[in-house]
Amino acid sequence: MAFGKFFSFGFSEPRYIRRTRAYLQEARMAMLEHSIAAEYYQSSAQMYAERAARLEEELRLWESGDPHHMPEVAHHYGAAAHISTAKPVVMDAPQVSPAVGVVRAA
């Protein structure tokens, strides 16, 4: 009996064990996805904290009446500054020959 359990490669596992393995894999994937999302949100929170600190410093300098204070970005550029005058490159689509074949359903 022990021989069959060790060398059956899981074919004789009860249904609830196979289902438990599937649930375990699903839980591990969810843990990985949430870990990735947590890293993203942590980095976003850090970025916004740094931004808030920069803006607070800029307001503090302006309110203190510093005559020599100039913000790092003095003005916003319009869309015209980002439009390129170069002509776009036109490429021809590759020629595709008609394929003849048989589609089989599984």
C-alpha atoms as a PDB file:
ATOM      1  CA  MET A   1       0.000   0.000   0.000  1.00  0.00           C
ATOM      2  CA  ALA A   2       2.825   2.422   0.810  1.00  0.00           C
ATOM      3  CA  PHE A   3       4.425   1.538  -2.520  1.00  0.00           C
ATOM      4  CA  GLY A   4       1.301   2.637  -4.391  1.00  0.00           C
ATOM      5  CA  LYS A   5       1.060   5.905  -2.482  1.00  0.00           C
ATOM      6  CA  PHE A   6       4.684   6.899  -3.122  1.00  0.00           C
ATOM      7  CA  PHE A   7       4.880   5.898  -6.776  1.00  0.00           C
ATOM      8  CA  SER A   8       1.397   6.724  -8.064  1.00  0.00           C
ATOM      9  CA  PHE A   9       2.438  10.342  -8.815  1.00  0.00           C
ATOM     10  CA  GLY A  10      -0.779  11.753  -7.401  1.00  0.00           C
ATOM     11  CA  PHE A  11      -3.215   9.867  -9.623  1.00  0.00           C
ATOM     12  CA  SER A  12      -4.943   8.327  -6.629  1.00  0.00           C
ATOM     13  CA  GLU A  13      -5.191  11.525  -4.576  1.00  0.00           C
ATOM     14  CA  PRO A  14      -8.639  12.283  -3.277  1.00  0.00           C
ATOM     15  CA  ARG A  15     -10.544  15.052  -5.033  1.00  0.00           C
ATOM     16  CA  TYR A  16     -10.387  17.359  -2.011  1.00  0.00           C
ATOM     17  CA  ILE A  17      -6.565  17.116  -1.980  1.00  0.00           C
ATOM     18  CA  ARG A  18      -6.367  18.044  -5.671  1.00  0.00           C
ATOM     19  CA  ARG A  19      -8.779  20.901  -5.014  1.00  0.00           C
ATOM     20  CA  THR A  20      -6.697  21.988  -2.002  1.00  0.00           C
ATOM     21  CA  ARG A  21      -3.564  22.041  -4.201  1.00  0.00           C
ATOM     22  CA  ALA A  22      -5.380  24.206  -6.734  1.00  0.00           C
ATOM     23  CA  TYR A  23      -6.557  26.572  -3.979  1.00  0.00           C
ATOM     24  CA  LEU A  24      -3.010  26.763  -2.626  1.00  0.00           C
ATOM     25  CA  GLN A  25      -1.647  27.712  -6.049  1.00  0.00           C
ATOM     26  CA  GLU A  26      -4.390  30.323  -6.423  1.00  0.00           C
ATOM     27  CA  ALA A  27      -3.582  31.765  -2.987  1.00  0.00           C
ATOM     28  CA  ARG A  28       0.129  31.956  -3.843  1.00  0.00           C
ATOM     29  CA  MET A  29      -0.604  33.767  -7.119  1.00  0.00           C
ATOM     30  CA  ALA A  30      -2.897  36.220  -5.316  1.00  0.00           C
ATOM     31  CA  MET A  31      -0.170  36.823  -2.726  1.00  0.00           C
ATOM     32  CA  LEU A  32       2.341  37.555  -5.503  1.00  0.00           C
ATOM     33  CA  GLU A  33      -0.042  39.890  -7.327  1.00  0.00           C
ATOM     34  CA  HIS A  34      -0.857  41.781  -4.153  1.00  0.00           C
ATOM     35  CA  SER A  35       2.838  42.052  -3.272  1.00  0.00           C
ATOM     36  CA  ILE A  36       3.510  43.595  -6.671  1.00  0.00           C
ATOM     37  CA  ALA A  37       0.595  46.007  -6.221  1.00  0.00           C
ATOM     38  CA  ALA A  38       1.821  46.913  -2.731  1.00  0.00           C
ATOM     39  CA  GLU A  39       5.280  47.778  -4.126  1.00  0.00           C
ATOM     40  CA  TYR A  40       3.657  49.978  -6.763  1.00  0.00           C
ATOM     41  CA  TYR A  41       1.457  51.815  -4.265  1.00  0.00           C
ATOM     42  CA  GLN A  42       4.341  52.211  -1.816  1.00  0.00           C
ATOM     43  CA  SER A  43       6.499  53.823  -4.501  1.00  0.00           C
ATOM     44  CA  SER A  44       3.573  56.052  -5.537  1.00  0.00           C
ATOM     45  CA  ALA A  45       3.039  57.116  -1.925  1.00  0.00           C
ATOM     46  CA  GLN A  46       6.764  57.912  -1.588  1.00  0.00           C
ATOM     47  CA  MET A  47       6.703  59.959  -4.796  1.00  0.00           C
ATOM     48  CA  TYR A  48       3.679  61.985  -3.643  1.00  0.00           C
ATOM     49  CA  ALA A  49       5.236  62.540  -0.218  1.00  0.00           C
ATOM     50  CA  GLU A  50       8.346  63.966  -1.911  1.00  0.00           C
ATOM     51  CA  ARG A  51       6.174  66.098  -4.179  1.00  0.00           C
ATOM     52  CA  ALA A  52       4.205  67.444  -1.219  1.00  0.00           C
ATOM     53  CA  ALA A  53       7.460  68.304   0.559  1.00  0.00           C
ATOM     54  CA  ARG A  54       8.732  70.197  -2.518  1.00  0.00           C
ATOM     55  CA  LEU A  55       5.457  72.114  -2.855  1.00  0.00           C
ATOM     56  CA  GLU A  56       5.400  72.950   0.855  1.00  0.00           C
ATOM     57  CA  GLU A  57       8.967  74.263   0.592  1.00  0.00           C
ATOM     58  CA  GLU A  58       8.054  76.360  -2.431  1.00  0.00           C
ATOM     59  CA  LEU A  59       5.047  77.843  -0.591  1.00  0.00           C
ATOM     60  CA  ARG A  60       7.151  78.477   2.512  1.00  0.00           C
ATOM     61  CA  LEU A  61       9.744  80.376   0.458  1.00  0.00           C
ATOM     62  CA  TRP A  62       7.070  82.418  -1.312  1.00  0.00           C
ATOM     63  CA  GLU A  63       5.285  83.251   1.944  1.00  0.00           C
ATOM     64  CA  SER A  64       8.571  84.274   3.584  1.00  0.00           C
ATOM     65  CA  GLY A  65       8.933  86.960   0.912  1.00  0.00           C
ATOM     66  CA  ASP A  66      12.206  85.710  -0.543  1.00  0.00           C
ATOM     67  CA  PRO A  67      12.714  88.088  -3.524  1.00  0.00           C
ATOM     68  CA  HIS A  68      15.246  85.802  -5.208  1.00  0.00           C
ATOM     69  CA  HIS A  69      13.089  82.700  -5.067  1.00  0.00           C
ATOM     70  CA  MET A  70      12.279  81.253  -8.460  1.00  0.00           C
ATOM     71  CA  PRO A  71      10.459  77.932  -8.720  1.00  0.00           C
ATOM     72  CA  GLU A  72      12.247  75.109 -10.516  1.00  0.00           C
ATOM     73  CA  VAL A  73       9.606  75.070 -13.246  1.00  0.00           C
ATOM     74  CA  ALA A  74       8.731  78.708 -13.900  1.00  0.00           C
ATOM     75  CA  HIS A  75       6.089  78.083 -16.577  1.00  0.00           C
ATOM     76  CA  HIS A  76       4.301  75.333 -18.415  1.00  0.00           C
ATOM     77  CA  TYR A  77       5.117  74.691 -22.034  1.00  0.00           C
ATOM     78  CA  GLY A  78       2.292  74.567 -24.532  1.00  0.00           C
ATOM     79  CA  ALA A  79       1.718  71.744 -26.949  1.00  0.00           C
ATOM     80  CA  ALA A  80       3.575  73.640 -29.668  1.00  0.00           C
ATOM     81  CA  ALA A  81       6.876  73.076 -27.870  1.00  0.00           C
ATOM     82  CA  HIS A  82       6.445  69.323 -28.190  1.00  0.00           C
ATOM     83  CA  ILE A  83       5.370  69.141 -31.834  1.00  0.00           C
ATOM     84  CA  SER A  84       8.105  67.995 -34.143  1.00  0.00           C
ATOM     85  CA  THR A  85       8.544  69.562 -37.578  1.00  0.00           C
ATOM     86  CA  ALA A  86      10.143  66.428 -39.006  1.00  0.00           C
ATOM     87  CA  LYS A  87       8.178  64.513 -41.609  1.00  0.00           C
ATOM     88  CA  PRO A  88       6.869  61.134 -40.482  1.00  0.00           C
ATOM     89  CA  VAL A  89       8.494  58.030 -41.913  1.00  0.00           C
ATOM     90  CA  VAL A  90       6.081  56.002 -44.007  1.00  0.00           C
ATOM     91  CA  MET A  91       6.723  52.285 -44.137  1.00  0.00           C
ATOM     92  CA  ASP A  92       4.944  49.809 -46.356  1.00  0.00           C
ATOM     93  CA  ALA A  93       3.182  46.912 -44.719  1.00  0.00           C
ATOM     94  CA  PRO A  94       4.801  43.527 -45.349  1.00  0.00           C
ATOM     95  CA  GLN A  95       3.188  41.450 -48.051  1.00  0.00           C
ATOM     96  CA  VAL A  96       1.260  38.517 -46.642  1.00  0.00           C
ATOM     97  CA  SER A  97       0.554  35.548 -48.844  1.00  0.00           C
ATOM     98  CA  PRO A  98      -2.808  33.851 -48.428  1.00  0.00           C
ATOM     99  CA  ALA A  99      -2.474  30.735 -46.341  1.00  0.00           C
ATOM    100  CA  VAL A 100      -4.418  27.615 -47.032  1.00  0.00           C
ATOM    101  CA  GLY A 101      -4.877  25.241 -44.163  1.00  0.00           C
ATOM    102  CA  VAL A 102      -7.214  23.206 -42.079  1.00  0.00           C
ATOM    103  CA  VAL A 103      -8.433  24.346 -38.694  1.00  0.00           C
ATOM    104  CA  ARG A 104      -9.086  21.526 -36.283  1.00  0.00           C
ATOM    105  CA  ALA A 105     -11.057  21.914 -33.101  1.00  0.00           C
ATOM    106  CA  ALA A 106      -9.820  20.227 -29.999  1.00  0.00           C
END
